[in-house]
Amino acid sequence: MATLNVRTDSALETALSELAAEHGSRSDGVRFAVLHTYRELLLRRAQDDAERLATDADDQAEMLAIQRFMGVAE
């Protein structure tokens, strides 16, 4: 497992203290924060894609063709 060094300021120290109290250690708190942020990024990207697909007829047709190919649509 790799190690990450981060410079902190007072705001980050406060956040790390809270995360450590909630998740057991500073490392676990940082892991939680990074993975939570990454999950939010993926969800935001998926939402953006869904909105784009909902307004683009060509993309809708392509998605339907893919779903039919996969056997999840008629």
N, C-alpha and C. Protein backbone atom coordinates (compact mmCIF):
# COMPACT_ATOMS: atom_id res chain seq x y z
N MET A 1 0.85 -1.17 0.00
CA MET A 1 0.00 0.00 0.00
C MET A 1 0.90 1.23 0.00
N ALA A 2 0.53 2.21 -0.80
CA ALA A 2 1.30 3.45 -0.91
C ALA A 2 1.01 4.37 0.27
N THR A 3 1.91 5.30 0.46
CA THR A 3 1.77 6.31 1.50
C THR A 3 1.61 7.67 0.84
N LEU A 4 0.75 8.50 1.41
CA LEU A 4 0.50 9.84 0.89
C LEU A 4 0.83 10.84 1.98
N ASN A 5 1.64 11.82 1.65
CA ASN A 5 1.94 12.91 2.58
C ASN A 5 1.17 14.14 2.14
N VAL A 6 0.52 14.81 3.11
CA VAL A 6 -0.29 15.98 2.81
C VAL A 6 0.06 17.08 3.80
N ARG A 7 0.22 18.28 3.29
CA ARG A 7 0.40 19.44 4.17
C ARG A 7 -0.97 19.87 4.67
N THR A 8 -1.06 20.14 5.94
CA THR A 8 -2.35 20.51 6.51
C THR A 8 -2.31 21.94 7.02
N ASP A 9 -3.50 22.50 7.14
CA ASP A 9 -3.68 23.78 7.80
C ASP A 9 -4.69 23.56 8.93
N SER A 10 -5.06 24.61 9.60
CA SER A 10 -5.94 24.44 10.76
C SER A 10 -7.31 23.89 10.36
N ALA A 11 -7.84 24.30 9.22
CA ALA A 11 -9.15 23.80 8.79
C ALA A 11 -9.07 22.31 8.48
N LEU A 12 -7.99 21.89 7.83
CA LEU A 12 -7.84 20.47 7.51
C LEU A 12 -7.61 19.66 8.78
N GLU A 13 -6.86 20.19 9.72
CA GLU A 13 -6.64 19.49 10.99
C GLU A 13 -7.96 19.28 11.73
N THR A 14 -8.81 20.30 11.70
CA THR A 14 -10.12 20.18 12.33
C THR A 14 -10.93 19.08 11.66
N ALA A 15 -10.94 19.09 10.32
CA ALA A 15 -11.67 18.07 9.58
C ALA A 15 -11.10 16.69 9.85
N LEU A 16 -9.78 16.56 9.88
CA LEU A 16 -9.15 15.27 10.15
C LEU A 16 -9.48 14.76 11.55
N SER A 17 -9.52 15.66 12.51
CA SER A 17 -9.87 15.26 13.88
C SER A 17 -11.29 14.71 13.94
N GLU A 18 -12.21 15.39 13.26
CA GLU A 18 -13.60 14.92 13.23
C GLU A 18 -13.71 13.58 12.50
N LEU A 19 -13.04 13.46 11.36
CA LEU A 19 -13.08 12.21 10.61
C LEU A 19 -12.44 11.07 11.39
N ALA A 20 -11.35 11.35 12.07
CA ALA A 20 -10.69 10.32 12.88
C ALA A 20 -11.61 9.86 14.01
N ALA A 21 -12.28 10.80 14.64
CA ALA A 21 -13.21 10.44 15.73
C ALA A 21 -14.35 9.57 15.19
N GLU A 22 -14.80 9.87 14.00
CA GLU A 22 -15.92 9.14 13.40
C GLU A 22 -15.50 7.78 12.84
N HIS A 23 -14.28 7.69 12.32
CA HIS A 23 -13.87 6.48 11.58
C HIS A 23 -12.72 5.71 12.20
N GLY A 24 -12.25 6.12 13.36
CA GLY A 24 -11.28 5.31 14.10
C GLY A 24 -9.84 5.77 14.04
N SER A 25 -9.43 6.38 12.96
CA SER A 25 -8.06 6.88 12.84
C SER A 25 -8.02 7.94 11.75
N ARG A 26 -6.94 8.68 11.73
CA ARG A 26 -6.78 9.69 10.67
C ARG A 26 -6.76 9.01 9.30
N SER A 27 -6.02 7.90 9.20
CA SER A 27 -5.94 7.20 7.92
C SER A 27 -7.31 6.72 7.46
N ASP A 28 -8.07 6.13 8.37
CA ASP A 28 -9.41 5.66 8.00
C ASP A 28 -10.33 6.83 7.64
N GLY A 29 -10.17 7.94 8.34
CA GLY A 29 -10.96 9.13 8.02
C GLY A 29 -10.62 9.68 6.64
N VAL A 30 -9.34 9.70 6.32
CA VAL A 30 -8.93 10.17 5.00
C VAL A 30 -9.42 9.22 3.91
N ARG A 31 -9.30 7.91 4.14
CA ARG A 31 -9.80 6.94 3.17
C ARG A 31 -11.30 7.15 2.92
N PHE A 32 -12.04 7.30 4.02
CA PHE A 32 -13.48 7.54 3.88
C PHE A 32 -13.74 8.80 3.06
N ALA A 33 -13.05 9.89 3.37
CA ALA A 33 -13.29 11.16 2.69
C ALA A 33 -12.97 11.06 1.20
N VAL A 34 -11.86 10.43 0.87
CA VAL A 34 -11.47 10.30 -0.54
C VAL A 34 -12.47 9.43 -1.28
N LEU A 35 -12.80 8.27 -0.72
CA LEU A 35 -13.74 7.37 -1.40
C LEU A 35 -15.13 7.97 -1.49
N HIS A 36 -15.56 8.68 -0.46
CA HIS A 36 -16.87 9.35 -0.48
C HIS A 36 -16.89 10.42 -1.57
N THR A 37 -15.83 11.20 -1.66
CA THR A 37 -15.75 12.24 -2.67
C THR A 37 -15.71 11.63 -4.07
N TYR A 38 -14.97 10.54 -4.23
CA TYR A 38 -14.90 9.86 -5.52
C TYR A 38 -16.28 9.32 -5.92
N ARG A 39 -16.99 8.73 -4.97
CA ARG A 39 -18.34 8.23 -5.24
C ARG A 39 -19.25 9.36 -5.69
N GLU A 40 -19.18 10.50 -5.01
CA GLU A 40 -19.99 11.66 -5.39
C GLU A 40 -19.64 12.13 -6.80
N LEU A 41 -18.37 12.10 -7.16
CA LEU A 41 -17.94 12.47 -8.50
C LEU A 41 -18.54 11.52 -9.54
N LEU A 42 -18.48 10.22 -9.27
CA LEU A 42 -19.05 9.24 -10.20
C LEU A 42 -20.56 9.43 -10.35
N LEU A 43 -21.24 9.67 -9.24
CA LEU A 43 -22.69 9.89 -9.30
C LEU A 43 -23.02 11.16 -10.08
N ARG A 44 -22.24 12.21 -9.89
CA ARG A 44 -22.47 13.46 -10.62
C ARG A 44 -22.25 13.25 -12.12
N ARG A 45 -21.20 12.50 -12.47
CA ARG A 45 -20.96 12.20 -13.89
C ARG A 45 -22.10 11.37 -14.48
N ALA A 46 -22.57 10.39 -13.73
CA ALA A 46 -23.68 9.56 -14.20
C ALA A 46 -24.93 10.41 -14.38
N GLN A 47 -25.18 11.32 -13.47
CA GLN A 47 -26.35 12.21 -13.59
C GLN A 47 -26.21 13.10 -14.81
N ASP A 48 -25.03 13.64 -15.03
CA ASP A 48 -24.80 14.47 -16.22
C ASP A 48 -25.03 13.66 -17.49
N ASP A 49 -24.53 12.42 -17.51
CA ASP A 49 -24.75 11.55 -18.67
C ASP A 49 -26.23 11.27 -18.87
N ALA A 50 -26.94 11.00 -17.79
CA ALA A 50 -28.37 10.70 -17.88
C ALA A 50 -29.13 11.91 -18.43
N GLU A 51 -28.78 13.09 -17.97
CA GLU A 51 -29.45 14.30 -18.47
C GLU A 51 -29.14 14.51 -19.95
N ARG A 52 -27.90 14.28 -20.34
CA ARG A 52 -27.52 14.43 -21.74
C ARG A 52 -28.27 13.42 -22.60
N LEU A 53 -28.34 12.18 -22.13
CA LEU A 53 -29.04 11.14 -22.89
C LEU A 53 -30.53 11.42 -23.02
N ALA A 54 -31.09 12.02 -21.99
CA ALA A 54 -32.53 12.30 -22.00
C ALA A 54 -32.89 13.36 -23.04
N THR A 55 -31.93 14.17 -23.44
CA THR A 55 -32.23 15.25 -24.38
C THR A 55 -31.67 15.01 -25.78
N ASP A 56 -30.94 13.93 -25.98
CA ASP A 56 -30.31 13.66 -27.28
C ASP A 56 -30.92 12.41 -27.89
N ALA A 57 -31.72 12.59 -28.95
CA ALA A 57 -32.42 11.47 -29.58
C ALA A 57 -31.46 10.44 -30.14
N ASP A 58 -30.33 10.88 -30.70
CA ASP A 58 -29.35 9.93 -31.23
C ASP A 58 -28.79 9.04 -30.13
N ASP A 59 -28.49 9.65 -28.98
CA ASP A 59 -27.98 8.87 -27.85
C ASP A 59 -29.04 7.92 -27.32
N GLN A 60 -30.30 8.36 -27.30
CA GLN A 60 -31.38 7.49 -26.83
C GLN A 60 -31.50 6.27 -27.74
N ALA A 61 -31.40 6.49 -29.03
CA ALA A 61 -31.49 5.38 -29.97
C ALA A 61 -30.32 4.42 -29.79
N GLU A 62 -29.13 4.98 -29.55
CA GLU A 62 -27.95 4.14 -29.34
C GLU A 62 -28.11 3.33 -28.05
N MET A 63 -28.59 3.95 -26.99
CA MET A 63 -28.78 3.24 -25.73
C MET A 63 -29.81 2.13 -25.89
N LEU A 64 -30.88 2.38 -26.62
CA LEU A 64 -31.89 1.36 -26.84
C LEU A 64 -31.30 0.19 -27.63
N ALA A 65 -30.48 0.50 -28.63
CA ALA A 65 -29.83 -0.56 -29.42
C ALA A 65 -28.91 -1.39 -28.53
N ILE A 66 -28.18 -0.75 -27.64
CA ILE A 66 -27.30 -1.48 -26.72
C ILE A 66 -28.12 -2.34 -25.77
N GLN A 67 -29.21 -1.79 -25.24
CA GLN A 67 -30.07 -2.56 -24.34
C GLN A 67 -30.67 -3.76 -25.04
N ARG A 68 -31.08 -3.58 -26.28
CA ARG A 68 -31.62 -4.71 -27.05
C ARG A 68 -30.55 -5.76 -27.27
N PHE A 69 -29.34 -5.31 -27.61
CA PHE A 69 -28.24 -6.24 -27.83
C PHE A 69 -27.95 -7.04 -26.56
N MET A 70 -28.04 -6.38 -25.41
CA MET A 70 -27.78 -7.03 -24.14
C MET A 70 -28.96 -7.86 -23.66
N GLY A 71 -30.10 -7.72 -24.33
CA GLY A 71 -31.28 -8.49 -23.95
C GLY A 71 -32.06 -7.91 -22.79
N VAL A 72 -31.86 -6.64 -22.50
CA VAL A 72 -32.58 -6.03 -21.38
C VAL A 72 -33.72 -5.12 -21.87
N ALA A 73 -33.88 -5.02 -23.17
CA ALA A 73 -35.00 -4.25 -23.74
C ALA A 73 -35.55 -5.01 -24.94
N GLU A 74 -36.79 -4.75 -25.23
CA GLU A 74 -37.43 -5.41 -26.38
C GLU A 74 -37.41 -4.54 -27.60
